[in-house]
Amino acid sequence: MSASPRASHGILSLTIKSKEELYRAFMPFIKNGGLFVATPRNYQMGEEVFMLLDLMDETDKIPVTGKVIWVTPRGAQGGKQAGIGIQLSSDDNTVVNKIETYLAGALGSGRLTHSM
């Protein structure tokens, strides 16, 4: 999984190539769903973000909007990767449905994720 913010526009790009990466990034416990995006850039809680999601077998990048609801700072305890959790907009329910389809049977498995 890789993220590369462009400071001029605040646009994030997230590429997820495997179900394991998707599992670790998805935040199903967040209303409307959420995604963890590894990034060294500092974001504020509540900040609105726009992201282009390159999701596994999808042919096109998926535009996603949301707000920052989780921040893991650089140097966090337990070796957690620095980044942000984005609560997806209620307009992005198609994205959440695609993610849940990819992760069918894996959600609730108790494996470690980037956020919990």
N, C-alpha and C. Protein backbone atom coordinates (compact mmCIF):
# COMPACT_ATOMS: atom_id res chain seq x y z
N MET A 1 0.85 -1.16 0.00
CA MET A 1 0.00 0.00 0.00
C MET A 1 0.89 1.22 0.00
N SER A 2 0.58 2.20 -0.85
CA SER A 2 1.37 3.41 -0.88
C SER A 2 0.46 4.61 -1.04
N ALA A 3 0.86 5.69 -0.42
CA ALA A 3 0.11 6.93 -0.54
C ALA A 3 1.11 8.04 -0.84
N SER A 4 0.71 8.94 -1.72
CA SER A 4 1.59 10.05 -2.01
C SER A 4 0.77 11.33 -2.12
N PRO A 5 0.77 12.14 -1.07
CA PRO A 5 0.01 13.38 -1.11
C PRO A 5 0.69 14.41 -1.99
N ARG A 6 -0.10 15.23 -2.66
CA ARG A 6 0.43 16.34 -3.43
C ARG A 6 0.02 17.60 -2.69
N ALA A 7 0.98 18.28 -2.12
CA ALA A 7 0.70 19.42 -1.26
C ALA A 7 -0.08 20.52 -1.95
N SER A 8 0.09 20.70 -3.25
CA SER A 8 -0.56 21.80 -3.93
C SER A 8 -2.08 21.66 -3.95
N HIS A 9 -2.59 20.44 -3.96
CA HIS A 9 -4.03 20.23 -4.04
C HIS A 9 -4.56 19.43 -2.86
N GLY A 10 -3.70 18.86 -2.06
CA GLY A 10 -4.16 18.04 -0.95
C GLY A 10 -4.79 16.73 -1.41
N ILE A 11 -4.49 16.30 -2.63
CA ILE A 11 -5.05 15.07 -3.16
C ILE A 11 -4.17 13.90 -2.76
N LEU A 12 -4.80 12.86 -2.21
CA LEU A 12 -4.09 11.63 -1.87
C LEU A 12 -4.30 10.61 -2.97
N SER A 13 -3.33 9.76 -3.14
CA SER A 13 -3.45 8.64 -4.05
C SER A 13 -3.14 7.38 -3.26
N LEU A 14 -4.08 6.44 -3.24
CA LEU A 14 -3.90 5.21 -2.48
C LEU A 14 -4.02 4.03 -3.43
N THR A 15 -2.99 3.20 -3.45
CA THR A 15 -2.99 1.99 -4.28
C THR A 15 -3.04 0.78 -3.37
N ILE A 16 -4.05 -0.06 -3.56
CA ILE A 16 -4.18 -1.30 -2.80
C ILE A 16 -4.18 -2.44 -3.80
N LYS A 17 -3.17 -3.32 -3.68
CA LYS A 17 -2.97 -4.38 -4.67
C LYS A 17 -3.43 -5.75 -4.23
N SER A 18 -3.71 -5.93 -2.93
CA SER A 18 -4.07 -7.26 -2.46
C SER A 18 -5.18 -7.19 -1.42
N LYS A 19 -5.83 -8.33 -1.20
CA LYS A 19 -6.87 -8.39 -0.17
C LYS A 19 -6.29 -8.14 1.21
N GLU A 20 -5.06 -8.60 1.46
CA GLU A 20 -4.42 -8.38 2.76
C GLU A 20 -4.21 -6.88 3.00
N GLU A 21 -3.72 -6.16 1.99
CA GLU A 21 -3.54 -4.71 2.13
C GLU A 21 -4.88 -4.03 2.38
N LEU A 22 -5.91 -4.45 1.65
CA LEU A 22 -7.24 -3.88 1.81
C LEU A 22 -7.77 -4.14 3.21
N TYR A 23 -7.60 -5.35 3.69
CA TYR A 23 -8.05 -5.71 5.04
C TYR A 23 -7.38 -4.80 6.08
N ARG A 24 -6.08 -4.60 5.93
CA ARG A 24 -5.34 -3.80 6.91
C ARG A 24 -5.71 -2.32 6.85
N ALA A 25 -6.15 -1.83 5.69
CA ALA A 25 -6.49 -0.41 5.53
C ALA A 25 -7.95 -0.10 5.84
N PHE A 26 -8.85 -1.06 5.66
CA PHE A 26 -10.28 -0.79 5.81
C PHE A 26 -10.67 -0.65 7.27
N MET A 27 -11.55 0.31 7.54
CA MET A 27 -12.01 0.58 8.90
C MET A 27 -13.53 0.40 8.92
N PRO A 28 -14.01 -0.86 9.05
CA PRO A 28 -15.45 -1.13 8.98
C PRO A 28 -16.23 -0.61 10.18
N PHE A 29 -15.54 -0.31 11.27
CA PHE A 29 -16.19 0.16 12.49
C PHE A 29 -16.54 1.65 12.42
N ILE A 30 -16.18 2.33 11.33
CA ILE A 30 -16.47 3.75 11.14
C ILE A 30 -17.76 3.89 10.33
N LYS A 31 -18.66 4.79 10.77
CA LYS A 31 -19.89 5.04 10.02
C LYS A 31 -19.54 5.43 8.59
N ASN A 32 -20.17 4.80 7.61
CA ASN A 32 -19.92 4.95 6.17
C ASN A 32 -18.61 4.29 5.73
N GLY A 33 -17.90 3.66 6.65
CA GLY A 33 -16.64 3.01 6.32
C GLY A 33 -15.48 3.99 6.33
N GLY A 34 -14.30 3.46 6.47
CA GLY A 34 -13.11 4.30 6.49
C GLY A 34 -11.92 3.57 5.92
N LEU A 35 -10.90 4.33 5.56
CA LEU A 35 -9.66 3.78 5.04
C LEU A 35 -8.49 4.44 5.73
N PHE A 36 -7.49 3.63 6.08
CA PHE A 36 -6.24 4.14 6.61
C PHE A 36 -5.31 4.41 5.44
N VAL A 37 -4.71 5.60 5.42
CA VAL A 37 -3.79 5.98 4.35
C VAL A 37 -2.45 6.32 4.99
N ALA A 38 -1.44 5.53 4.65
CA ALA A 38 -0.09 5.80 5.15
C ALA A 38 0.44 7.06 4.47
N THR A 39 0.85 8.02 5.28
CA THR A 39 1.40 9.26 4.73
C THR A 39 2.25 9.95 5.79
N PRO A 40 3.36 10.56 5.38
CA PRO A 40 4.17 11.31 6.33
C PRO A 40 3.63 12.72 6.56
N ARG A 41 2.71 13.17 5.74
CA ARG A 41 2.17 14.53 5.82
C ARG A 41 1.27 14.68 7.05
N ASN A 42 1.29 15.85 7.64
CA ASN A 42 0.46 16.13 8.81
C ASN A 42 -0.93 16.58 8.37
N TYR A 43 -1.94 15.99 8.96
CA TYR A 43 -3.33 16.36 8.73
C TYR A 43 -3.98 16.66 10.07
N GLN A 44 -5.02 17.44 10.04
CA GLN A 44 -5.76 17.78 11.24
C GLN A 44 -7.04 16.96 11.29
N MET A 45 -7.47 16.64 12.51
CA MET A 45 -8.75 15.96 12.69
C MET A 45 -9.85 16.82 12.07
N GLY A 46 -10.75 16.17 11.32
CA GLY A 46 -11.86 16.87 10.70
C GLY A 46 -11.54 17.47 9.34
N GLU A 47 -10.27 17.43 8.94
CA GLU A 47 -9.88 18.00 7.65
C GLU A 47 -10.51 17.20 6.51
N GLU A 48 -11.07 17.90 5.53
CA GLU A 48 -11.66 17.26 4.36
C GLU A 48 -10.54 16.84 3.41
N VAL A 49 -10.67 15.66 2.83
CA VAL A 49 -9.66 15.16 1.90
C VAL A 49 -10.33 14.58 0.66
N PHE A 50 -9.57 14.59 -0.43
CA PHE A 50 -9.98 13.97 -1.68
C PHE A 50 -8.90 12.95 -2.03
N MET A 51 -9.32 11.77 -2.43
CA MET A 51 -8.38 10.69 -2.70
C MET A 51 -8.76 9.96 -3.98
N LEU A 52 -7.76 9.54 -4.71
CA LEU A 52 -7.96 8.64 -5.84
C LEU A 52 -7.51 7.26 -5.39
N LEU A 53 -8.45 6.32 -5.38
CA LEU A 53 -8.21 4.96 -4.89
C LEU A 53 -8.02 4.02 -6.07
N ASP A 54 -6.86 3.40 -6.12
CA ASP A 54 -6.55 2.37 -7.11
C ASP A 54 -6.74 1.03 -6.40
N LEU A 55 -7.89 0.42 -6.64
CA LEU A 55 -8.31 -0.75 -5.87
C LEU A 55 -8.20 -2.03 -6.68
N MET A 56 -7.22 -2.83 -6.40
CA MET A 56 -7.00 -4.17 -6.92
C MET A 56 -7.39 -4.34 -8.38
N ASP A 57 -8.51 -5.01 -8.64
CA ASP A 57 -8.87 -5.37 -10.02
C ASP A 57 -9.71 -4.32 -10.75
N GLU A 58 -9.99 -3.20 -10.09
CA GLU A 58 -10.79 -2.15 -10.73
C GLU A 58 -9.98 -1.53 -11.86
N THR A 59 -10.64 -1.25 -12.97
CA THR A 59 -9.92 -0.71 -14.14
C THR A 59 -9.59 0.77 -14.01
N ASP A 60 -10.43 1.51 -13.30
CA ASP A 60 -10.22 2.95 -13.14
C ASP A 60 -9.99 3.30 -11.68
N LYS A 61 -9.28 4.40 -11.46
CA LYS A 61 -9.13 4.89 -10.09
C LYS A 61 -10.48 5.43 -9.64
N ILE A 62 -10.78 5.22 -8.37
CA ILE A 62 -12.07 5.60 -7.81
C ILE A 62 -11.89 6.88 -7.00
N PRO A 63 -12.62 7.95 -7.36
CA PRO A 63 -12.53 9.17 -6.55
C PRO A 63 -13.29 8.99 -5.24
N VAL A 64 -12.66 9.38 -4.15
CA VAL A 64 -13.24 9.21 -2.82
C VAL A 64 -13.08 10.52 -2.05
N THR A 65 -14.13 10.91 -1.34
CA THR A 65 -14.05 12.08 -0.47
C THR A 65 -14.31 11.65 0.97
N GLY A 66 -13.79 12.41 1.89
CA GLY A 66 -14.02 12.09 3.29
C GLY A 66 -13.35 13.09 4.19
N LYS A 67 -13.31 12.73 5.48
CA LYS A 67 -12.65 13.61 6.43
C LYS A 67 -11.77 12.79 7.35
N VAL A 68 -10.73 13.43 7.86
CA VAL A 68 -9.76 12.78 8.73
C VAL A 68 -10.40 12.56 10.11
N ILE A 69 -10.42 11.29 10.55
CA ILE A 69 -10.99 10.96 11.85
C ILE A 69 -10.00 10.16 12.71
N TRP A 70 -8.81 9.93 12.18
CA TRP A 70 -7.81 9.13 12.88
C TRP A 70 -6.44 9.63 12.44
N VAL A 71 -5.54 9.83 13.38
CA VAL A 71 -4.18 10.22 13.05
C VAL A 71 -3.22 9.34 13.82
N THR A 72 -2.33 8.67 13.10
CA THR A 72 -1.24 7.93 13.72
C THR A 72 0.03 8.71 13.40
N PRO A 73 0.61 9.37 14.40
CA PRO A 73 1.77 10.21 14.14
C PRO A 73 3.04 9.39 13.88
N ARG A 74 4.02 10.05 13.29
CA ARG A 74 5.33 9.42 13.13
C ARG A 74 5.87 9.05 14.50
N GLY A 75 6.48 7.90 14.63
CA GLY A 75 7.05 7.46 15.89
C GLY A 75 6.04 6.92 16.88
N ALA A 76 4.87 6.52 16.39
CA ALA A 76 3.83 5.99 17.27
C ALA A 76 4.29 4.71 17.95
N GLN A 77 3.76 4.45 19.15
CA GLN A 77 4.12 3.25 19.89
C GLN A 77 3.72 2.01 19.10
N GLY A 78 4.42 0.92 19.38
CA GLY A 78 4.10 -0.35 18.76
C GLY A 78 4.52 -0.46 17.31
N GLY A 79 5.29 0.51 16.82
CA GLY A 79 5.76 0.46 15.44
C GLY A 79 4.66 0.69 14.41
N LYS A 80 3.55 1.30 14.83
CA LYS A 80 2.45 1.57 13.90
C LYS A 80 2.92 2.54 12.82
N GLN A 81 2.44 2.31 11.61
CA GLN A 81 2.79 3.14 10.46
C GLN A 81 2.10 4.51 10.58
N ALA A 82 2.83 5.58 10.29
CA ALA A 82 2.26 6.92 10.32
C ALA A 82 1.24 7.06 9.21
N GLY A 83 0.14 7.73 9.53
CA GLY A 83 -0.87 7.95 8.51
C GLY A 83 -2.17 8.48 9.11
N ILE A 84 -3.20 8.48 8.29
CA ILE A 84 -4.49 9.01 8.70
C ILE A 84 -5.61 8.03 8.38
N GLY A 85 -6.66 8.09 9.16
CA GLY A 85 -7.88 7.35 8.88
C GLY A 85 -8.89 8.32 8.29
N ILE A 86 -9.47 7.94 7.19
CA ILE A 86 -10.44 8.79 6.51
C ILE A 86 -11.82 8.16 6.60
N GLN A 87 -12.77 8.92 7.17
CA GLN A 87 -14.16 8.48 7.16
C GLN A 87 -14.72 8.82 5.79
N LEU A 88 -15.20 7.80 5.10
CA LEU A 88 -15.71 8.01 3.76
C LEU A 88 -17.04 8.76 3.80
N SER A 89 -17.25 9.55 2.78
CA SER A 89 -18.50 10.29 2.65
C SER A 89 -19.66 9.32 2.44
N SER A 90 -20.84 9.70 2.90
CA SER A 90 -22.02 8.84 2.67
C SER A 90 -22.32 8.70 1.19
N ASP A 91 -21.76 9.58 0.35
CA ASP A 91 -21.93 9.48 -1.11
C ASP A 91 -21.08 8.36 -1.70
N ASP A 92 -20.15 7.82 -0.92
CA ASP A 92 -19.21 6.81 -1.41
C ASP A 92 -19.62 5.39 -1.05
N ASN A 93 -20.92 5.13 -0.86
CA ASN A 93 -21.34 3.78 -0.44
C ASN A 93 -21.03 2.72 -1.49
N THR A 94 -20.89 3.10 -2.76
CA THR A 94 -20.50 2.14 -3.80
C THR A 94 -19.10 1.61 -3.52
N VAL A 95 -18.21 2.48 -3.07
CA VAL A 95 -16.83 2.08 -2.74
C VAL A 95 -16.85 1.10 -1.58
N VAL A 96 -17.61 1.41 -0.54
CA VAL A 96 -17.69 0.53 0.63
C VAL A 96 -18.26 -0.83 0.22
N ASN A 97 -19.26 -0.85 -0.63
CA ASN A 97 -19.82 -2.12 -1.10
C ASN A 97 -18.78 -2.94 -1.85
N LYS A 98 -17.97 -2.29 -2.69
CA LYS A 98 -16.90 -3.00 -3.41
C LYS A 98 -15.89 -3.57 -2.42
N ILE A 99 -15.49 -2.76 -1.44
CA ILE A 99 -14.51 -3.21 -0.45
C ILE A 99 -15.05 -4.40 0.33
N GLU A 100 -16.30 -4.30 0.79
CA GLU A 100 -16.89 -5.40 1.56
C GLU A 100 -17.03 -6.66 0.72
N THR A 101 -17.26 -6.51 -0.57
CA THR A 101 -17.31 -7.69 -1.46
C THR A 101 -15.94 -8.35 -1.55
N TYR A 102 -14.90 -7.53 -1.73
CA TYR A 102 -13.53 -8.08 -1.78
C TYR A 102 -13.17 -8.79 -0.47
N LEU A 103 -13.67 -8.25 0.65
CA LEU A 103 -13.29 -8.78 1.96
C LEU A 103 -14.31 -9.75 2.56
N ALA A 104 -15.24 -10.20 1.76
CA ALA A 104 -16.27 -11.12 2.26
C ALA A 104 -15.62 -12.29 3.00
N GLY A 105 -16.08 -12.52 4.21
CA GLY A 105 -15.55 -13.62 5.01
C GLY A 105 -14.34 -13.26 5.85
N ALA A 106 -13.64 -12.17 5.49
CA ALA A 106 -12.44 -11.79 6.23
C ALA A 106 -12.72 -10.78 7.34
N LEU A 107 -13.78 -9.99 7.17
CA LEU A 107 -14.10 -8.98 8.18
C LEU A 107 -14.43 -9.68 9.50
N GLY A 108 -13.93 -9.14 10.56
CA GLY A 108 -14.17 -9.73 11.87
C GLY A 108 -13.26 -10.90 12.19
N SER A 109 -12.20 -11.09 11.41
CA SER A 109 -11.32 -12.23 11.65
C SER A 109 -10.39 -12.00 12.83
N GLY A 110 -10.25 -10.75 13.26
CA GLY A 110 -9.40 -10.46 14.40
C GLY A 110 -7.94 -10.25 14.06
N ARG A 111 -7.57 -10.32 12.78
CA ARG A 111 -6.18 -10.06 12.40
C ARG A 111 -5.87 -8.58 12.59
N LEU A 112 -4.59 -8.26 12.76
CA LEU A 112 -4.18 -6.88 12.97
C LEU A 112 -4.42 -6.03 11.73
N THR A 113 -4.74 -4.76 12.00
CA THR A 113 -4.91 -3.79 10.93
C THR A 113 -4.02 -2.58 11.25
N HIS A 114 -4.03 -1.59 10.36
CA HIS A 114 -3.23 -0.39 10.61
C HIS A 114 -3.84 0.47 11.71
N SER A 115 -5.13 0.29 11.98
CA SER A 115 -5.77 1.18 12.95
C SER A 115 -6.07 0.50 14.28
N MET A 116 -6.43 -0.75 14.30
CA MET A 116 -6.80 -1.41 15.55
C MET A 116 -6.05 -2.72 15.71
